[in-house]
Amino acid sequence: MSRYQAALLGLGLLLMLLLYVGLPGPPEQTFQLWRGPSVTVLAGLTRGNPQIFYREVLPIQPAHRAQVLFLHGKAFNSHTWEQLGTLQLLSKRGYRAVAIDLPAPSKEASTEAGRAELLKQVLRDLEVQNAVLVSPSMSGSYALPFLMRSHHQLRGFVPIAPTSTRNFTQEQFWAVKTPTLILYGELDHTLARESLQQLHHLPNHSVVKLHNAGHACYLHNPEAFHLALLEFLDHLP
């Protein structure tokens, strides 16, 4: 190989190296992963029929009375709350927290009464006491029927732009005295606005708008979501 050819080969290798270094890295996570102290996340199935998969954390600090039950939106499941670090954060702050996988459509869950009964069964099977129910998006079809029938079982309610608010009257909302934190993303211009019109009729509520966040506002701005949630939990009567 001539010196000229060797020089060309070296130049080519150098260009390839520069191109490789300049390539973009892997895409960023769509939501923040937990990077705090190690927290054990337990998992299991409820005893009822249907059996419901759940994830659970126990309080690391001295326990608060309230225990938090997380539902999920259509595109998510209980793992979302673990990946986001919500379960681990609550454990660190002294809360027992449980996240469940809502079941696939079934005859039992086809009615409001059936969906309310399912949540009642979950709370009973997992012995969740002084429950605070966190309900984003589609899970409103479970949470709101339960709220209307069994709000006396709840210590608090955290709706996040839930569905199904139009299925209930102003009078039904007025009758619910449960402390409520209404959360929504400022960029959610459809379901958040619709649900807010009805949820405003809850007599004991506060509202937090998460900035730079859409419908799944807890994913888009997890820090603000966690701050608002903890502020609400820490000041429950």
Protein backbone atom coordinates (compact mmCIF):
# COMPACT_ATOMS: atom_id res chain seq x y z
CA MET A 1 0.00 0.00 0.00
CA SER A 2 1.43 3.38 -0.98
CA ARG A 3 1.83 6.24 1.46
CA TYR A 4 -0.93 8.09 -0.45
CA GLN A 5 -3.37 5.16 -0.04
CA ALA A 6 -2.47 4.83 3.64
CA ALA A 7 -3.15 8.52 4.18
CA LEU A 8 -6.55 8.23 2.48
CA LEU A 9 -7.42 5.20 4.63
CA GLY A 10 -6.43 7.05 7.78
CA LEU A 11 -8.50 10.05 6.79
CA GLY A 12 -11.51 7.83 6.11
CA LEU A 13 -11.21 6.17 9.54
CA LEU A 14 -10.96 9.57 11.20
CA LEU A 15 -14.12 10.78 9.45
CA MET A 16 -16.00 7.64 10.52
CA LEU A 17 -14.92 8.21 14.13
CA LEU A 18 -16.07 11.83 14.06
CA LEU A 19 -19.44 10.82 12.60
CA TYR A 20 -19.91 8.17 15.31
CA VAL A 21 -19.08 10.59 18.11
CA GLY A 22 -21.51 13.14 16.66
CA LEU A 23 -24.45 10.75 16.50
CA PRO A 24 -27.33 11.60 18.89
CA GLY A 25 -27.64 9.50 22.02
CA PRO A 26 -30.66 7.37 22.95
CA PRO A 27 -33.97 9.23 23.36
CA GLU A 28 -34.77 10.55 26.80
CA GLN A 29 -37.27 8.68 28.97
CA THR A 30 -40.82 9.90 28.53
CA PHE A 31 -41.09 10.13 32.28
CA GLN A 32 -38.75 10.34 35.22
CA LEU A 33 -37.53 7.08 36.75
CA TRP A 34 -37.04 6.63 40.49
CA ARG A 35 -33.42 7.18 41.53
CA GLY A 36 -33.84 7.61 45.26
CA PRO A 37 -33.07 5.23 48.13
CA SER A 38 -33.90 1.57 47.63
CA VAL A 39 -37.51 0.77 48.47
CA THR A 40 -38.99 -2.72 48.27
CA VAL A 41 -42.05 -2.86 46.03
CA LEU A 42 -44.18 -5.89 46.83
CA ALA A 43 -46.51 -7.50 44.30
CA GLY A 44 -49.37 -9.97 44.44
CA LEU A 45 -52.96 -10.84 43.58
CA THR A 46 -56.08 -10.09 45.57
CA ARG A 47 -58.21 -12.95 46.84
CA GLY A 48 -61.40 -11.86 45.11
CA ASN A 49 -62.96 -12.78 41.79
CA PRO A 50 -61.63 -11.42 39.56
CA GLN A 51 -58.19 -11.45 41.10
CA ILE A 52 -56.53 -8.05 40.78
CA PHE A 53 -52.78 -7.63 40.40
CA TYR A 54 -51.30 -5.03 42.73
CA ARG A 55 -48.01 -3.42 43.73
CA GLU A 56 -47.52 -2.18 47.26
CA VAL A 57 -45.02 -0.30 49.39
CA LEU A 58 -45.01 -0.05 53.16
CA PRO A 59 -44.00 3.10 55.02
CA ILE A 60 -40.31 3.48 55.87
CA GLN A 61 -40.92 6.39 58.24
CA PRO A 62 -43.47 6.22 61.07
CA ALA A 63 -46.76 5.59 59.31
CA HIS A 64 -49.39 8.20 58.54
CA ARG A 65 -53.00 7.17 58.97
CA ALA A 66 -53.91 7.68 55.32
CA GLN A 67 -53.21 4.88 52.84
CA VAL A 68 -53.16 5.63 49.12
CA LEU A 69 -54.73 3.55 46.33
CA PHE A 70 -53.62 4.39 42.77
CA LEU A 71 -55.67 3.57 39.69
CA HIS A 72 -54.40 4.19 36.15
CA GLY A 73 -55.36 5.51 32.73
CA LYS A 74 -56.09 3.47 29.62
CA ALA A 75 -52.53 3.32 28.27
CA PHE A 76 -50.91 2.57 31.64
CA ASN A 77 -50.95 0.14 34.57
CA SER A 78 -49.70 -0.19 38.14
CA HIS A 79 -46.07 -0.28 36.95
CA THR A 80 -46.39 3.37 35.91
CA TRP A 81 -46.49 4.47 39.55
CA GLU A 82 -43.40 2.41 40.35
CA GLN A 83 -41.43 3.70 37.35
CA LEU A 84 -42.40 7.26 38.16
CA GLY A 85 -41.17 6.78 41.73
CA THR A 86 -44.51 7.72 43.27
CA LEU A 87 -44.83 4.53 45.32
CA GLN A 88 -41.26 4.78 46.59
CA LEU A 89 -41.61 8.45 47.45
CA LEU A 90 -44.75 7.85 49.49
CA SER A 91 -43.07 4.96 51.31
CA LYS A 92 -40.19 7.24 52.23
CA ARG A 93 -42.66 9.86 53.47
CA GLY A 94 -44.45 7.39 55.73
CA TYR A 95 -47.41 6.28 53.60
CA ARG A 96 -48.59 2.85 52.65
CA ALA A 97 -49.36 2.98 48.92
CA VAL A 98 -50.99 0.43 46.64
CA ALA A 99 -51.33 0.53 42.84
CA ILE A 100 -53.61 -1.91 41.05
CA ASP A 101 -54.11 -3.10 37.49
CA LEU A 102 -57.71 -2.51 36.52
CA PRO A 103 -59.26 -5.63 34.96
CA ALA A 104 -60.08 -6.19 31.32
CA PRO A 105 -63.69 -5.43 30.34
CA SER A 106 -66.06 -8.00 31.80
CA LYS A 107 -69.72 -8.52 32.58
CA GLU A 108 -69.12 -7.65 36.24
CA ALA A 109 -67.40 -4.36 35.33
CA SER A 110 -69.94 -3.36 32.68
CA THR A 111 -72.10 -1.38 35.13
CA GLU A 112 -71.35 1.47 37.52
CA ALA A 113 -72.48 -0.66 40.43
CA GLY A 114 -70.17 -3.49 39.36
CA ARG A 115 -67.15 -1.19 39.05
CA ALA A 116 -67.86 0.42 42.41
CA GLU A 117 -68.17 -3.00 44.01
CA LEU A 118 -64.84 -4.06 42.50
CA LEU A 119 -63.02 -1.17 44.20
CA LYS A 120 -64.84 -1.88 47.44
CA GLN A 121 -63.64 -5.49 47.19
CA VAL A 122 -60.05 -4.41 46.51
CA LEU A 123 -60.02 -2.14 49.56
CA ARG A 124 -61.42 -4.96 51.66
CA ASP A 125 -59.07 -7.67 50.34
CA LEU A 126 -55.96 -5.52 50.76
CA GLU A 127 -57.16 -4.06 54.08
CA VAL A 128 -56.63 -0.50 52.88
CA GLN A 129 -57.87 1.83 55.61
CA ASN A 130 -58.38 5.60 55.57
CA ALA A 131 -58.02 5.33 51.81
CA VAL A 132 -57.05 8.18 49.51
CA LEU A 133 -58.11 7.28 45.97
CA VAL A 134 -56.00 8.62 43.08
CA SER A 135 -57.88 8.39 39.78
CA PRO A 136 -56.49 9.54 36.43
CA SER A 137 -58.38 9.57 33.15
CA MET A 138 -60.23 6.35 32.24
CA SER A 139 -60.17 5.09 35.84
CA GLY A 140 -62.84 7.68 36.60
CA SER A 141 -65.35 5.10 35.35
CA TYR A 142 -64.42 3.11 38.49
CA ALA A 143 -63.59 5.86 40.95
CA LEU A 144 -66.62 8.12 40.49
CA PRO A 145 -69.28 5.40 40.94
CA PHE A 146 -67.40 4.31 44.07
CA LEU A 147 -67.17 7.90 45.30
CA MET A 148 -70.90 8.46 44.90
CA ARG A 149 -71.81 5.24 46.71
CA SER A 150 -69.07 4.88 49.33
CA HIS A 151 -67.40 8.26 49.84
CA HIS A 152 -67.66 7.71 53.60
CA GLN A 153 -64.93 5.06 53.16
CA LEU A 154 -62.47 7.57 51.70
CA ARG A 155 -60.10 9.85 53.59
CA GLY A 156 -59.37 11.75 50.38
CA PHE A 157 -59.90 11.79 46.63
CA VAL A 158 -57.45 12.89 43.91
CA PRO A 159 -59.08 13.00 40.44
CA ILE A 160 -56.72 13.74 37.53
CA ALA A 161 -58.89 14.73 34.55
CA PRO A 162 -61.10 11.65 35.02
CA THR A 163 -63.70 10.34 32.61
CA SER A 164 -67.37 9.80 33.50
CA THR A 165 -67.98 13.06 35.38
CA ARG A 166 -71.01 13.81 33.19
CA ASN A 167 -72.72 10.65 34.44
CA PHE A 168 -73.52 12.33 37.75
CA THR A 169 -75.59 15.35 38.76
CA GLN A 170 -74.55 18.48 40.60
CA GLU A 171 -76.60 17.29 43.55
CA GLN A 172 -74.66 14.03 43.71
CA PHE A 173 -71.35 15.90 43.74
CA TRP A 174 -72.62 18.32 46.40
CA ALA A 175 -73.41 15.39 48.68
CA VAL A 176 -69.76 14.22 48.76
CA LYS A 177 -67.87 15.78 51.68
CA THR A 178 -64.58 13.93 51.04
CA PRO A 179 -61.50 16.23 50.90
CA THR A 180 -60.55 16.38 47.22
CA LEU A 181 -57.50 17.55 45.29
CA ILE A 182 -58.35 18.19 41.62
CA LEU A 183 -55.26 17.94 39.40
CA TYR A 184 -54.94 18.66 35.70
CA GLY A 185 -52.38 19.71 33.10
CA GLU A 186 -52.59 23.20 31.61
CA LEU A 187 -52.17 21.74 28.09
CA ASP A 188 -55.12 19.36 28.46
CA HIS A 189 -57.86 21.37 26.75
CA THR A 190 -60.51 18.65 26.43
CA LEU A 191 -61.07 16.16 29.24
CA ALA A 192 -59.57 18.38 31.95
CA ARG A 193 -61.97 21.21 31.15
CA GLU A 194 -64.97 18.90 30.94
CA SER A 195 -64.24 17.12 34.21
CA LEU A 196 -63.39 20.35 36.04
CA GLN A 197 -66.86 21.75 35.34
CA GLN A 198 -68.42 18.90 37.29
CA LEU A 199 -65.74 18.34 39.93
CA HIS A 200 -66.06 21.99 40.98
CA HIS A 201 -69.38 21.00 42.58
CA LEU A 202 -67.56 18.93 45.21
CA PRO A 203 -67.90 21.12 48.32
CA ASN A 204 -64.51 20.34 49.89
CA HIS A 205 -62.02 20.66 47.04
CA SER A 206 -58.85 22.44 45.97
CA VAL A 207 -57.44 22.70 42.44
CA VAL A 208 -53.85 22.52 41.21
CA LYS A 209 -52.94 23.14 37.57
CA LEU A 210 -49.64 21.54 36.51
CA HIS A 211 -47.73 23.74 34.08
CA ASN A 212 -46.19 22.45 30.83
CA ALA A 213 -48.22 19.25 31.20
CA GLY A 214 -50.89 17.60 29.10
CA HIS A 215 -53.53 15.00 29.91
CA ALA A 216 -51.11 12.62 31.68
CA CYS A 217 -49.82 15.55 33.72
CA TYR A 218 -48.19 13.35 36.37
CA LEU A 219 -45.83 12.03 33.66
CA HIS A 220 -45.11 15.39 32.04
CA ASN A 221 -44.37 17.23 35.30
CA PRO A 222 -43.75 14.57 37.97
CA GLU A 223 -41.99 16.91 40.38
CA ALA A 224 -44.94 19.30 40.56
CA PHE A 225 -47.34 16.35 40.75
CA HIS A 226 -45.50 14.80 43.69
CA LEU A 227 -45.28 18.12 45.52
CA ALA A 228 -49.02 18.75 45.14
CA LEU A 229 -49.93 15.20 46.17
CA LEU A 230 -47.71 15.23 49.27
CA GLU A 231 -48.98 18.66 50.29
CA PHE A 232 -52.53 17.33 50.10
CA LEU A 233 -51.77 14.08 51.96
CA ASP A 234 -49.73 15.74 54.68
CA HIS A 235 -52.56 18.13 55.56
CA LEU A 236 -55.50 15.73 55.54
CA PRO A 237 -57.54 16.01 58.74
